[in-house]
């Protein structure tokens, strides 16, 4: 809360949102009536997960119209709630939606049903009255006061921090200050390791091959095993839950942060008695949101989709790289070939495919989502042949974690030619570095929110016609567009646009 009181726009409103949520939870936990909404439904870890959801809800409200402003975001939010009743109502709605999602994960369906359960029957009426009364008064108590914002100690700390930032500007480079908290250092280090997994695996293979005289006795049998292993193409290797829950992935997801939202909270919509085919959009540079939300438990996949095993698709070449394949196979990763996807479409599996592929990656740009979808037929044909339920999924912020270089027509032609030869390519981009904010190959600290939309049930059709495929594609595009328009006010910039080609 002390840091949020003097935070500026460089913190991307995250610290201010955390300050609001911290005080909101304290107020609620101290209230004997409201405490049932937060404590009785789970453990301390459950409350921590609720805190993360509430932070995301406050950020969503901020993007929907609550401007944190500069240089005192908490004070700006306080003034808006005082002056504008609609802003207060919008913030309350976001917080209530986050609490409802938290309760659904813990076994309830809505706040009302939780309060009407037999265990809570005696307190239901009182708690409901307290919740409905938690309007401006509760929200304002969650914000730093004017005295907190202008206390001499905090102003002195703020001046010292700004002085450190001025001293770390070296020419065009904006270096990270020494006062960065340790947890943020850990997140940056985890993101660095995550980014180096693929090139590091290739480098280790090159070293082993260079010293083949000393390594051949284990390289030869291992490479033979890699060439003969067909598990990735026949449904995928068994998922190792402990590896998916590895703390490195959680630290990396917290770096952005990456958040997973399930738009439909009805438990009957995602049951393990049928296969699911998720379409993820947009591709971005590396589909980072899909990798962390579906390829690990960093965002709570098993809590939101119990009984479903995710199978994230990637390039065939990636699954064939020695050492690297051993790291990603236990996370449920399979090749993006038609044969592998068809084999993985079994009841209880949720196959996640980045539909746009390399062509969509070349169109990535900040604030604009250009999706390569109208030219795709195999994705929809496979869903019809297998009777798989289609699920549109959108990663808000996927295109914003890197800055892109605008290409000339000649450069774009060369990239297209490279894609046609190799099957993949990437746009020219840059991010930040480990010790600098404006130049490097690491992604920026910008939130990525993956929203899973309404499932589209499909009747199995072994021999779909062109009309069947086109009809399903239009239905899918309409659902995806509706999902984007619904969550755009909360999760995207106001001028963000969706273009489907």
Protein backbone atom coordinates (compact mmCIF):
# COMPACT_ATOMS: atom_id res chain seq x y z
CA UNK A 1 0.00 0.00 0.00
CA UNK A 2 2.89 2.38 0.73
CA UNK A 3 4.38 1.72 -2.70
CA UNK A 4 0.99 2.08 -4.39
CA UNK A 5 0.41 5.42 -2.71
CA UNK A 6 3.22 7.03 -4.68
CA UNK A 7 3.25 4.74 -7.73
CA UNK A 8 3.32 6.28 -11.18
CA UNK A 9 2.26 5.07 -14.62
CA UNK A 10 5.49 3.05 -15.04
CA UNK A 11 4.03 0.47 -12.65
CA UNK A 12 1.14 -0.05 -15.11
CA UNK A 13 -1.40 0.45 -12.31
CA UNK A 14 -0.55 -2.99 -10.87
CA UNK A 15 0.72 -1.73 -7.53
CA UNK A 16 -2.28 0.54 -7.11
CA UNK A 17 -4.61 -2.38 -7.82
CA UNK A 18 -2.79 -4.50 -5.25
CA UNK A 19 -3.18 -1.73 -2.71
CA UNK A 20 -6.93 -1.58 -3.32
CA UNK A 21 -7.31 -5.35 -3.05
CA UNK A 22 -5.21 -5.62 0.11
CA UNK A 23 -7.38 -3.11 1.90
CA UNK A 24 -10.55 -4.61 0.44
CA UNK A 25 -9.66 -8.05 1.82
CA UNK A 26 -8.66 -6.65 5.20
CA UNK A 27 -11.98 -4.82 5.49
CA UNK A 28 -13.93 -7.93 4.48
CA UNK A 29 -11.98 -10.34 6.71
CA UNK A 30 -12.44 -8.08 9.73
CA UNK A 31 -16.20 -8.00 9.16
CA UNK A 32 -17.83 -10.99 10.88
CA UNK A 33 -20.57 -11.17 8.25
CA UNK A 34 -18.47 -10.80 5.10
CA UNK A 35 -15.79 -13.15 6.39
CA UNK A 36 -17.84 -16.16 5.28
CA UNK A 37 -17.36 -15.20 1.66
CA UNK A 38 -13.60 -15.44 1.93
CA UNK A 39 -12.56 -17.77 4.76
CA UNK A 40 -15.22 -20.45 5.09
CA UNK A 41 -14.98 -21.38 1.40
CA UNK A 42 -11.33 -22.44 1.46
CA UNK A 43 -7.90 -22.35 2.98
CA UNK A 44 -5.37 -19.54 3.24
CA UNK A 45 -4.11 -20.53 -0.21
CA UNK A 46 -7.66 -20.11 -1.46
CA UNK A 47 -7.71 -16.54 -0.16
CA UNK A 48 -4.41 -15.90 -1.96
CA UNK A 49 -5.94 -17.11 -5.21
CA UNK A 50 -8.91 -14.84 -4.57
CA UNK A 51 -6.53 -11.92 -4.11
CA UNK A 52 -5.05 -12.54 -7.56
CA UNK A 53 -8.52 -12.60 -9.09
CA UNK A 54 -9.49 -9.39 -7.35
CA UNK A 55 -6.33 -7.66 -8.60
CA UNK A 56 -7.27 -8.68 -12.13
CA UNK A 57 -10.82 -7.41 -11.54
CA UNK A 58 -9.57 -3.99 -10.42
CA UNK A 59 -7.28 -3.79 -13.44
CA UNK A 60 -10.22 -4.71 -15.66
CA UNK A 61 -12.28 -1.94 -14.12
CA UNK A 62 -9.39 0.45 -14.68
CA UNK A 63 -9.21 -0.44 -18.35
CA UNK A 64 -12.98 -0.05 -18.57
CA UNK A 65 -12.93 3.58 -17.52
CA UNK A 66 -11.32 4.04 -14.11
CA UNK A 67 -8.18 6.06 -14.83
CA UNK A 68 -5.46 5.64 -12.20
CA UNK A 69 -3.68 8.70 -13.57
CA UNK A 70 -0.31 10.24 -12.75
CA UNK A 71 1.38 10.70 -10.32
CA UNK A 72 -1.08 9.49 -7.64
CA UNK A 73 -3.16 6.65 -9.11
CA UNK A 74 -4.92 5.71 -5.86
CA UNK A 75 -5.98 9.32 -5.27
CA UNK A 76 -7.23 9.60 -8.85
CA UNK A 77 -9.33 6.45 -8.40
CA UNK A 78 -10.65 7.79 -5.10
CA UNK A 79 -11.76 11.03 -6.73
CA UNK A 80 -13.52 9.22 -9.56
CA UNK A 81 -15.45 7.02 -7.16
CA UNK A 82 -16.51 10.14 -5.25
CA UNK A 83 -17.63 11.96 -8.38
CA UNK A 84 -19.02 9.20 -10.58
CA UNK A 85 -21.52 6.64 -9.33
CA UNK A 86 -21.15 4.57 -12.52
CA UNK A 87 -17.44 4.06 -11.85
CA UNK A 88 -18.24 2.78 -8.36
CA UNK A 89 -20.86 0.43 -9.76
CA UNK A 90 -18.46 -0.88 -12.42
CA UNK A 91 -15.73 -1.55 -9.88
CA UNK A 92 -18.17 -3.33 -7.58
CA UNK A 93 -19.37 -5.48 -10.48
CA UNK A 94 -15.83 -6.55 -11.35
CA UNK A 95 -15.04 -7.39 -7.72
CA UNK A 96 -18.26 -9.35 -7.35
CA UNK A 97 -17.55 -11.31 -10.56
CA UNK A 98 -14.09 -12.20 -9.23
CA UNK A 99 -15.57 -13.44 -5.94
CA UNK A 100 -18.16 -15.50 -7.82
CA UNK A 101 -15.45 -17.15 -9.90
CA UNK A 102 -13.54 -17.90 -6.69
CA UNK A 103 -16.59 -19.53 -5.11
CA UNK A 104 -17.35 -21.61 -8.19
CA UNK A 105 -13.82 -23.03 -8.13
CA UNK A 106 -14.42 -24.00 -4.50
CA UNK A 107 -17.66 -25.85 -5.23
CA UNK A 108 -20.44 -23.22 -5.28
CA UNK A 109 -22.21 -21.74 -8.30
CA UNK A 110 -22.90 -18.13 -7.24
CA UNK A 111 -22.59 -15.95 -4.17
CA UNK A 112 -26.29 -16.43 -3.48
CA UNK A 113 -26.16 -20.24 -3.72
CA UNK A 114 -23.12 -20.27 -1.44
CA UNK A 115 -24.97 -18.23 1.15
CA UNK A 116 -28.10 -20.38 0.81
CA UNK A 117 -26.24 -23.63 1.45
CA UNK A 118 -27.37 -25.48 4.61
CA UNK A 119 -24.15 -24.63 6.39
CA UNK A 120 -24.69 -20.91 5.89
CA UNK A 121 -28.50 -20.76 6.07
CA UNK A 122 -28.63 -18.88 9.37
CA UNK A 123 -26.23 -16.19 8.24
CA UNK A 124 -27.41 -15.88 4.63
CA UNK A 125 -29.77 -12.93 5.02
CA UNK A 126 -27.35 -10.90 7.14
CA UNK A 127 -24.39 -11.53 4.84
CA UNK A 128 -26.40 -10.58 1.77
CA UNK A 129 -27.44 -7.32 3.39
CA UNK A 130 -23.82 -6.59 4.32
CA UNK A 131 -22.65 -7.39 0.79
CA UNK A 132 -25.23 -5.18 -0.87
CA UNK A 133 -24.32 -2.38 1.52
CA UNK A 134 -20.65 -2.58 0.55
CA UNK A 135 -20.81 0.29 -1.94
CA UNK A 136 -18.83 3.54 -1.95
CA UNK A 137 -18.10 3.46 1.78
CA UNK A 138 -16.29 0.10 1.61
CA UNK A 139 -14.49 0.96 -1.61
CA UNK A 140 -13.27 4.27 -0.24
CA UNK A 141 -11.93 2.58 2.90
CA UNK A 142 -9.88 0.37 0.61
CA UNK A 143 -7.99 3.34 -0.84
CA UNK A 144 -5.05 5.27 0.62
CA UNK A 145 -6.16 8.50 2.28
CA UNK A 146 -4.90 11.95 1.38
CA UNK A 147 -2.70 11.91 4.51
CA UNK A 148 -1.10 8.65 3.42
CA UNK A 149 -0.45 10.03 -0.02
CA UNK A 150 1.27 13.17 1.26
CA UNK A 151 3.10 11.93 4.36
CA UNK A 152 6.73 13.20 4.51
CA UNK A 153 8.16 9.68 4.85
CA UNK A 154 6.46 8.47 1.69
CA UNK A 155 7.39 11.60 -0.24
CA UNK A 156 11.00 11.13 0.81
CA UNK A 157 10.98 7.50 -0.36
CA UNK A 158 9.36 8.55 -3.62
CA UNK A 159 12.01 11.21 -4.25
CA UNK A 160 14.79 8.73 -3.51
CA UNK A 161 13.28 6.20 -5.90
CA UNK A 162 12.94 8.76 -8.68
CA UNK A 163 16.53 9.85 -8.10
CA UNK A 164 17.67 6.24 -8.52
CA UNK A 165 15.73 6.00 -11.78
CA UNK A 166 17.35 9.18 -13.10
CA UNK A 167 20.79 7.81 -12.32
CA UNK A 168 20.12 4.57 -14.20
CA UNK A 169 19.47 6.33 -17.52
CA UNK A 170 22.62 5.69 -19.61
CA UNK A 171 22.30 7.14 -23.10
CA UNK A 172 19.39 5.42 -24.88
CA UNK A 173 19.33 2.60 -22.32
CA UNK A 174 17.03 2.76 -19.34
CA UNK A 175 18.64 0.43 -16.82
CA UNK A 176 16.75 -1.26 -14.03
CA UNK A 177 17.24 0.44 -10.65
CA UNK A 178 18.93 -1.35 -7.77
CA UNK A 179 15.81 -0.95 -5.64
CA UNK A 180 13.76 -3.49 -7.62
CA UNK A 181 12.17 -5.93 -5.12
CA UNK A 182 13.61 -9.42 -4.89
CA UNK A 183 10.41 -11.14 -5.99
CA UNK A 184 10.46 -9.18 -9.24
CA UNK A 185 14.07 -10.21 -9.76
CA UNK A 186 13.02 -13.85 -9.34
CA UNK A 187 10.23 -13.41 -11.86
CA UNK A 188 12.60 -11.84 -14.41
CA UNK A 189 15.13 -14.63 -13.89
CA UNK A 190 12.41 -17.26 -14.34
CA UNK A 191 11.27 -15.58 -17.56
CA UNK A 192 14.87 -15.60 -18.79
CA UNK A 193 15.18 -19.34 -18.15
CA UNK A 194 11.84 -19.92 -19.87
CA UNK A 195 13.03 -17.99 -22.94
CA UNK A 196 16.35 -19.88 -23.05
CA UNK A 197 14.95 -23.41 -22.82
CA UNK A 198 14.83 -23.93 -26.59
CA UNK A 199 18.12 -22.22 -27.60
CA UNK A 200 19.81 -23.75 -24.55
CA UNK A 201 18.74 -27.25 -25.60
CA UNK A 202 20.06 -26.68 -29.12
CA UNK A 203 23.35 -25.39 -27.72
CA UNK A 204 23.77 -28.46 -25.47
CA UNK A 205 23.14 -30.74 -28.43
CA UNK A 206 25.76 -28.88 -30.46
CA UNK A 207 28.30 -29.23 -27.64
CA UNK A 208 27.64 -32.96 -27.34
CA UNK A 209 28.04 -33.39 -31.10
CA UNK A 210 31.24 -31.33 -31.11
CA UNK A 211 32.74 -33.65 -28.51
CA UNK A 212 31.21 -36.76 -30.08
CA UNK A 213 34.31 -38.85 -29.33
CA UNK A 214 33.45 -38.62 -25.64
CA UNK A 215 29.65 -38.58 -25.84
CA UNK A 216 28.76 -41.02 -28.64
CA UNK A 217 28.10 -43.93 -26.29
CA UNK A 218 24.99 -42.23 -24.86
CA UNK A 219 24.17 -39.91 -27.80
CA UNK A 220 23.67 -42.75 -30.29
CA UNK A 221 21.09 -44.71 -28.23
CA UNK A 222 19.36 -41.50 -27.19
CA UNK A 223 19.06 -40.19 -30.76
CA UNK A 224 17.78 -43.60 -31.89
CA UNK A 225 15.16 -43.41 -29.13
CA UNK A 226 14.14 -39.90 -30.29
CA UNK A 227 13.78 -41.10 -33.86
CA UNK A 228 11.75 -44.18 -32.88
CA UNK A 229 9.52 -42.61 -30.22
CA UNK A 230 6.06 -42.04 -31.70
CA UNK A 231 4.19 -41.13 -28.50
CA UNK A 232 3.86 -37.43 -29.40
CA UNK A 233 2.12 -38.42 -32.66
CA UNK A 234 -0.19 -40.99 -31.06
CA UNK A 235 -1.89 -38.94 -28.38
CA UNK A 236 1.02 -37.55 -26.39
CA UNK A 237 3.06 -38.64 -23.42
CA UNK A 238 1.47 -39.05 -20.01
CA UNK A 239 1.18 -35.65 -18.32
CA UNK A 240 3.35 -35.21 -15.23
CA UNK A 241 1.36 -33.05 -12.82
CA UNK A 242 4.33 -32.24 -10.56
CA UNK A 243 6.27 -30.89 -13.56
CA UNK A 244 3.31 -28.76 -14.66
CA UNK A 245 3.19 -27.31 -11.14
CA UNK A 246 6.91 -26.53 -11.07
CA UNK A 247 7.51 -23.18 -9.36
CA UNK A 248 9.47 -21.84 -12.36
CA UNK A 249 6.28 -21.66 -14.44
CA UNK A 250 4.41 -19.85 -11.64
CA UNK A 251 7.19 -17.28 -11.32
CA UNK A 252 7.21 -16.81 -15.08
CA UNK A 253 3.41 -16.37 -15.23
CA UNK A 254 3.62 -13.83 -12.40
CA UNK A 255 6.16 -11.83 -14.41
CA UNK A 256 3.56 -10.53 -16.88
CA UNK A 257 1.18 -11.60 -15.19
CA UNK A 258 -0.70 -14.26 -17.21
CA UNK A 259 -4.28 -14.89 -16.07
CA UNK A 260 -6.74 -17.59 -17.18
CA UNK A 261 -10.47 -16.73 -17.19
CA UNK A 262 -13.30 -19.15 -17.89
CA UNK A 263 -16.16 -17.16 -19.38
CA UNK A 264 -18.79 -19.89 -18.86
CA UNK A 265 -18.87 -21.01 -15.22
CA UNK A 266 -21.45 -23.74 -15.78
CA UNK A 267 -19.80 -27.01 -14.74
CA UNK A 268 -21.85 -29.01 -17.24
CA UNK A 269 -20.26 -27.17 -20.20
CA UNK A 270 -16.84 -28.80 -19.74
CA UNK A 271 -17.21 -32.46 -18.81
CA UNK A 272 -14.56 -35.17 -19.38
CA UNK A 273 -16.90 -37.39 -21.41
CA UNK A 274 -16.05 -35.79 -24.77
CA UNK A 275 -13.06 -34.28 -26.62
CA UNK A 276 -12.47 -30.54 -26.86
CA UNK A 277 -10.59 -28.55 -29.48
CA UNK A 278 -9.52 -25.11 -28.24
CA UNK A 279 -8.58 -22.48 -30.81
CA UNK A 280 -6.14 -19.93 -29.37
CA UNK A 281 -5.85 -16.44 -30.84
CA UNK A 282 -3.72 -14.48 -31.56
CA UNK A 283 -0.37 -16.18 -32.17
CA UNK A 284 1.80 -13.20 -31.23
CA UNK A 285 5.52 -13.94 -31.25
CA UNK A 286 5.65 -17.16 -29.23
CA UNK A 287 2.05 -17.69 -28.03
CA UNK A 288 3.32 -17.11 -24.49
CA UNK A 289 -0.16 -16.88 -22.98
CA UNK A 290 -1.11 -20.31 -24.36
CA UNK A 291 2.17 -21.86 -23.20
CA UNK A 292 1.74 -20.75 -19.58
CA UNK A 293 -2.06 -21.00 -19.29
CA UNK A 294 -2.45 -24.43 -20.95
CA UNK A 295 1.06 -25.91 -20.81
CA UNK A 296 1.38 -25.57 -17.03
CA UNK A 297 -0.65 -25.16 -13.84
CA UNK A 298 0.67 -21.63 -13.29
CA UNK A 299 -2.77 -20.15 -14.04
CA UNK A 300 -4.88 -22.86 -12.36
CA UNK A 301 -6.01 -24.97 -15.32
CA UNK A 302 -7.07 -28.00 -13.23
CA UNK A 303 -9.12 -25.77 -10.91
CA UNK A 304 -11.10 -24.21 -13.74
CA UNK A 305 -11.37 -27.35 -15.92
CA UNK A 306 -11.35 -30.35 -13.58
CA UNK A 307 -11.07 -33.72 -15.30
CA UNK A 308 -9.69 -32.31 -18.58
CA UNK A 309 -6.12 -32.98 -19.74
CA UNK A 310 -4.68 -30.14 -21.86
CA UNK A 311 -2.71 -31.00 -24.98
CA UNK A 312 -0.95 -27.92 -26.35
CA UNK A 313 0.13 -28.14 -30.00
CA UNK A 314 3.43 -26.79 -31.27
CA UNK A 315 5.66 -27.12 -34.35
CA UNK A 316 6.58 -30.67 -35.38
CA UNK A 317 10.24 -29.64 -35.39
CA UNK A 318 10.04 -28.44 -31.79
CA UNK A 319 8.82 -31.80 -30.52
CA UNK A 320 11.72 -33.50 -32.32
CA UNK A 321 14.56 -31.48 -30.76
CA UNK A 322 16.50 -33.73 -28.34
CA UNK A 323 16.54 -32.63 -24.69
CA UNK A 324 13.93 -29.91 -25.30
CA UNK A 325 11.30 -32.53 -26.12
CA UNK A 326 11.91 -34.17 -22.75
CA UNK A 327 11.07 -30.87 -21.05
CA UNK A 328 7.82 -30.12 -22.87
CA UNK A 329 6.37 -33.61 -23.42
CA UNK A 330 5.42 -34.15 -19.73
CA UNK A 331 3.54 -30.82 -19.87
CA UNK A 332 1.15 -32.27 -22.45
CA UNK A 333 2.73 -30.77 -25.58
CA UNK A 334 2.15 -32.56 -28.91
CA UNK A 335 2.95 -31.77 -32.57
CA UNK A 336 0.53 -29.59 -34.53
CA UNK A 337 0.15 -32.17 -37.31
CA UNK A 338 -3.28 -33.44 -38.34
CA UNK A 339 -2.38 -36.99 -37.35
CA UNK A 340 -1.21 -36.02 -33.86
CA UNK A 341 -4.21 -33.75 -33.20
CA UNK A 342 -6.65 -36.41 -34.39
CA UNK A 343 -5.04 -39.02 -32.13
CA UNK A 344 -5.24 -36.66 -29.13
CA UNK A 345 -8.94 -35.84 -29.64
CA UNK A 346 -10.17 -38.38 -27.10
CA UNK A 347 -12.77 -37.94 -24.35
CA UNK A 348 -11.21 -36.03 -21.48
CA UNK A 349 -8.59 -34.31 -23.63
CA UNK A 350 -8.57 -30.59 -24.45
CA UNK A 351 -6.36 -30.04 -27.49
CA UNK A 352 -5.18 -26.42 -27.78
CA UNK A 353 -4.17 -25.28 -31.26
CA UNK A 354 -2.90 -21.81 -32.22
CA UNK A 355 -4.96 -21.66 -35.40
CA UNK A 356 -3.26 -18.69 -37.10
CA UNK A 357 0.22 -20.22 -37.06
CA UNK A 358 3.25 -18.55 -38.59
CA UNK A 359 1.16 -16.49 -41.03
CA UNK A 360 -0.64 -14.83 -38.11
CA UNK A 361 2.64 -14.21 -36.29
CA UNK A 362 3.84 -12.00 -39.16
CA UNK A 363 0.77 -9.75 -38.74
CA UNK A 364 1.29 -9.23 -35.00
CA UNK A 365 1.35 -5.61 -33.84
CA UNK A 366 0.60 -3.78 -30.61
CA UNK A 367 -3.03 -2.77 -30.15
CA UNK A 368 -4.23 -4.62 -33.27
CA UNK A 369 -5.31 -8.26 -33.56
CA UNK A 370 -5.09 -9.57 -37.12
CA UNK A 371 -6.25 -13.20 -37.13
CA UNK A 372 -5.61 -15.63 -39.98
CA UNK A 373 -8.82 -17.66 -39.76
CA UNK A 374 -11.01 -17.41 -42.86
CA UNK A 375 -8.45 -19.36 -44.89
CA UNK A 376 -8.30 -22.20 -42.36
CA UNK A 377 -10.26 -25.36 -43.19
CA UNK A 378 -8.42 -28.30 -41.61
CA UNK A 379 -9.12 -27.08 -38.06
CA UNK A 380 -12.88 -27.15 -38.64
CA UNK A 381 -12.87 -30.28 -40.78
CA UNK A 382 -11.08 -32.20 -38.03
CA UNK A 383 -13.56 -30.98 -35.41
CA UNK A 384 -16.47 -32.24 -37.54
CA UNK A 385 -14.85 -35.60 -38.26
CA UNK A 386 -14.10 -36.25 -34.59
CA UNK A 387 -17.20 -34.62 -33.14
CA UNK A 388 -14.98 -32.46 -30.94
CA UNK A 389 -16.46 -29.48 -29.11
CA UNK A 390 -14.90 -26.26 -30.42
CA UNK A 391 -13.89 -23.65 -27.86
CA UNK A 392 -12.80 -20.14 -29.00
CA UNK A 393 -10.06 -18.71 -26.79
CA UNK A 394 -8.57 -15.23 -26.89
CA UNK A 395 -5.32 -14.01 -25.33
CA UNK A 396 -5.76 -10.31 -24.59
CA UNK A 397 -2.34 -8.63 -24.48
CA UNK A 398 -0.53 -11.40 -26.39
CA UNK A 399 0.55 -8.93 -29.08
CA UNK A 400 1.59 -6.28 -26.55
CA UNK A 401 4.43 -8.03 -24.72
CA UNK A 402 6.88 -7.22 -27.54
CA UNK A 403 7.48 -4.14 -29.68
CA UNK A 404 7.43 -4.80 -33.42
CA UNK A 405 9.48 -3.38 -36.28
CA UNK A 406 7.46 -2.23 -39.29
CA UNK A 407 8.67 -4.04 -42.41
CA UNK A 408 8.89 -2.83 -45.99
CA UNK A 409 7.10 -4.78 -48.70
CA UNK A 410 10.39 -6.34 -49.82
CA UNK A 411 11.26 -7.50 -46.30
CA UNK A 412 7.78 -8.99 -45.89
CA UNK A 413 8.22 -10.93 -49.14
CA UNK A 414 11.48 -12.39 -47.84
CA UNK A 415 9.79 -13.44 -44.61
CA UNK A 416 6.94 -15.08 -46.51
CA UNK A 417 9.43 -16.96 -48.67
CA UNK A 418 11.29 -18.17 -45.55
CA UNK A 419 7.98 -19.32 -44.04
CA UNK A 420 7.08 -21.29 -47.18
CA UNK A 421 10.43 -23.09 -47.10
CA UNK A 422 10.78 -23.84 -43.39
CA UNK A 423 7.14 -23.81 -42.25
CA UNK A 424 7.72 -21.18 -39.56
CA UNK A 425 8.99 -17.66 -39.11
CA UNK A 426 8.80 -14.80 -36.62
CA UNK A 427 8.28 -11.06 -37.02
CA UNK A 428 11.08 -8.63 -36.29
CA UNK A 429 10.62 -7.60 -32.68
CA UNK A 430 12.38 -6.46 -29.55
CA UNK A 431 11.46 -6.34 -25.89
CA UNK A 432 13.43 -5.54 -22.79
CA UNK A 433 16.60 -6.93 -21.26
CA UNK A 434 17.47 -8.39 -17.89
CA UNK A 435 19.03 -5.09 -16.81
CA UNK A 436 17.31 -2.65 -19.15
CA UNK A 437 13.71 -1.65 -19.77
CA UNK A 438 13.75 -0.68 -23.44
CA UNK A 439 16.14 -3.00 -25.37
CA UNK A 440 16.51 -6.77 -25.28
CA UNK A 441 14.81 -10.05 -26.18
CA UNK A 442 12.79 -10.61 -23.02
CA UNK A 443 9.05 -9.77 -23.17
CA UNK A 444 7.80 -6.65 -21.44
CA UNK A 445 5.94 -6.83 -18.13
CA UNK A 446 2.50 -6.39 -19.63
CA UNK A 447 -0.55 -8.40 -18.56
CA UNK A 448 -1.80 -11.27 -20.72
CA UNK A 449 -5.33 -12.48 -19.96
CA UNK A 450 -6.46 -15.71 -21.62
CA UNK A 451 -10.27 -15.90 -21.84
CA UNK A 452 -11.90 -19.26 -22.65
CA UNK A 453 -15.20 -18.67 -24.41
CA UNK A 454 -18.45 -20.58 -24.83
CA UNK A 455 -18.07 -24.15 -26.15
CA UNK A 456 -19.64 -24.95 -29.52
CA UNK A 457 -21.10 -28.46 -29.54
CA UNK A 458 -20.65 -30.32 -32.84
CA UNK A 459 -22.33 -33.45 -34.13
CA UNK A 460 -19.82 -35.95 -35.53
CA UNK A 461 -19.68 -36.02 -39.33
CA UNK A 462 -17.04 -38.37 -40.83
CA UNK A 463 -17.45 -36.87 -44.33
CA UNK A 464 -18.15 -33.13 -43.98
CA UNK A 465 -18.89 -31.14 -47.11
CA UNK A 466 -17.44 -27.75 -47.98
CA UNK A 467 -20.73 -26.13 -46.91
CA UNK A 468 -20.56 -27.85 -43.51
CA UNK A 469 -17.03 -26.57 -42.95
CA UNK A 470 -17.90 -23.03 -44.05
CA UNK A 471 -20.99 -22.97 -41.83
CA UNK A 472 -19.02 -24.11 -38.78
CA UNK A 473 -16.26 -21.61 -39.50
CA UNK A 474 -18.72 -18.70 -39.62
CA UNK A 475 -20.30 -19.87 -36.38
CA UNK A 476 -16.86 -20.04 -34.75
CA UNK A 477 -15.87 -16.58 -36.03
CA UNK A 478 -19.11 -15.10 -34.69
CA UNK A 479 -18.50 -16.66 -31.26
CA UNK A 480 -14.90 -15.46 -31.22
CA UNK A 481 -15.93 -11.94 -32.23
CA UNK A 482 -18.61 -11.85 -29.53
CA UNK A 483 -16.02 -12.99 -26.95
CA UNK A 484 -13.64 -10.24 -28.03
CA UNK A 485 -16.32 -7.54 -27.92
CA UNK A 486 -17.53 -8.67 -24.49
CA UNK A 487 -14.10 -8.57 -22.84
CA UNK A 488 -12.51 -5.78 -24.87
CA UNK A 489 -13.71 -2.97 -22.51
CA UNK A 490 -12.09 -4.77 -19.56
CA UNK A 491 -8.93 -6.28 -21.02
CA UNK A 492 -7.90 -4.35 -24.14
CA UNK A 493 -7.12 -0.79 -25.06
CA UNK A 494 -10.08 1.32 -26.15
CA UNK A 495 -8.76 1.63 -29.71
CA UNK A 496 -7.91 -2.09 -30.07
CA UNK A 497 -9.41 -3.62 -33.19
CA UNK A 498 -10.03 -7.17 -34.36
CA UNK A 499 -9.41 -8.02 -38.03
CA UNK A 500 -10.12 -11.53 -39.32
CA UNK A 501 -8.67 -12.48 -42.70
